[in-house]
Amino acid sequence: MLLRRFGSVKGVKEATRDEIARIPGFSETLASRILTYLGR
């Protein structure tokens, strides 16, 4: 779902927590964890 929305891992890394959290099924907490995992 993330790759479909942002196009690539680089796109996900460049996304903000709020942009990720707006995806249905993604919370702000999950978005933060994803960005932390990706080194952001």
C-alpha atoms as a PDB file:
ATOM      1  CA  MET A   1       0.000   0.000   0.000  1.00  0.00           C
ATOM      2  CA  LEU A   2       2.797   2.435   0.848  1.00  0.00           C
ATOM      3  CA  LEU A   3       4.702   1.710  -2.335  1.00  0.00           C
ATOM      4  CA  ARG A   4       1.537   2.063  -4.387  1.00  0.00           C
ATOM      5  CA  ARG A   5       0.816   5.448  -2.781  1.00  0.00           C
ATOM      6  CA  PHE A   6       4.361   6.886  -2.780  1.00  0.00           C
ATOM      7  CA  GLY A   7       5.860   5.033  -5.753  1.00  0.00           C
ATOM      8  CA  SER A   8       9.084   3.775  -4.158  1.00  0.00           C
ATOM      9  CA  VAL A   9      10.900   3.260  -0.872  1.00  0.00           C
ATOM     10  CA  LYS A  10      12.527   6.644  -1.470  1.00  0.00           C
ATOM     11  CA  GLY A  11       9.065   8.171  -1.803  1.00  0.00           C
ATOM     12  CA  VAL A  12       7.994   6.618   1.499  1.00  0.00           C
ATOM     13  CA  LYS A  13      11.166   7.908   3.192  1.00  0.00           C
ATOM     14  CA  GLU A  14      10.434  11.415   1.908  1.00  0.00           C
ATOM     15  CA  ALA A  15       6.790  11.330   3.024  1.00  0.00           C
ATOM     16  CA  THR A  16       5.739  13.040   6.215  1.00  0.00           C
ATOM     17  CA  ARG A  17       4.206  11.229   9.149  1.00  0.00           C
ATOM     18  CA  ASP A  18       0.900  12.966   8.399  1.00  0.00           C
ATOM     19  CA  GLU A  19       0.927  11.885   4.745  1.00  0.00           C
ATOM     20  CA  ILE A  20       1.425   8.264   5.773  1.00  0.00           C
ATOM     21  CA  ALA A  21      -1.154   8.503   8.570  1.00  0.00           C
ATOM     22  CA  ARG A  22      -3.797   9.711   6.075  1.00  0.00           C
ATOM     23  CA  ILE A  23      -3.723   6.326   4.333  1.00  0.00           C
ATOM     24  CA  PRO A  24      -6.703   4.242   5.500  1.00  0.00           C
ATOM     25  CA  GLY A  25      -5.584   1.770   8.171  1.00  0.00           C
ATOM     26  CA  PHE A  26      -2.435   3.727   9.125  1.00  0.00           C
ATOM     27  CA  SER A  27      -2.265   5.624  12.419  1.00  0.00           C
ATOM     28  CA  GLU A  28       0.162   8.372  13.377  1.00  0.00           C
ATOM     29  CA  THR A  29       1.910   5.881  15.660  1.00  0.00           C
ATOM     30  CA  LEU A  30       2.353   3.383  12.842  1.00  0.00           C
ATOM     31  CA  ALA A  31       3.535   6.130  10.498  1.00  0.00           C
ATOM     32  CA  SER A  32       6.160   7.176  13.048  1.00  0.00           C
ATOM     33  CA  ARG A  33       7.336   3.588  13.457  1.00  0.00           C
ATOM     34  CA  ILE A  34       7.644   3.153   9.692  1.00  0.00           C
ATOM     35  CA  LEU A  35       9.726   6.309   9.339  1.00  0.00           C
ATOM     36  CA  THR A  36      11.910   5.323  12.285  1.00  0.00           C
ATOM     37  CA  TYR A  37      12.476   1.903  10.728  1.00  0.00           C
ATOM     38  CA  LEU A  38      13.477   3.594   7.455  1.00  0.00           C
ATOM     39  CA  GLY A  39      15.963   5.836   9.233  1.00  0.00           C
ATOM     40  CA  ARG A  40      13.982   9.041   9.491  1.00  0.00           C
END
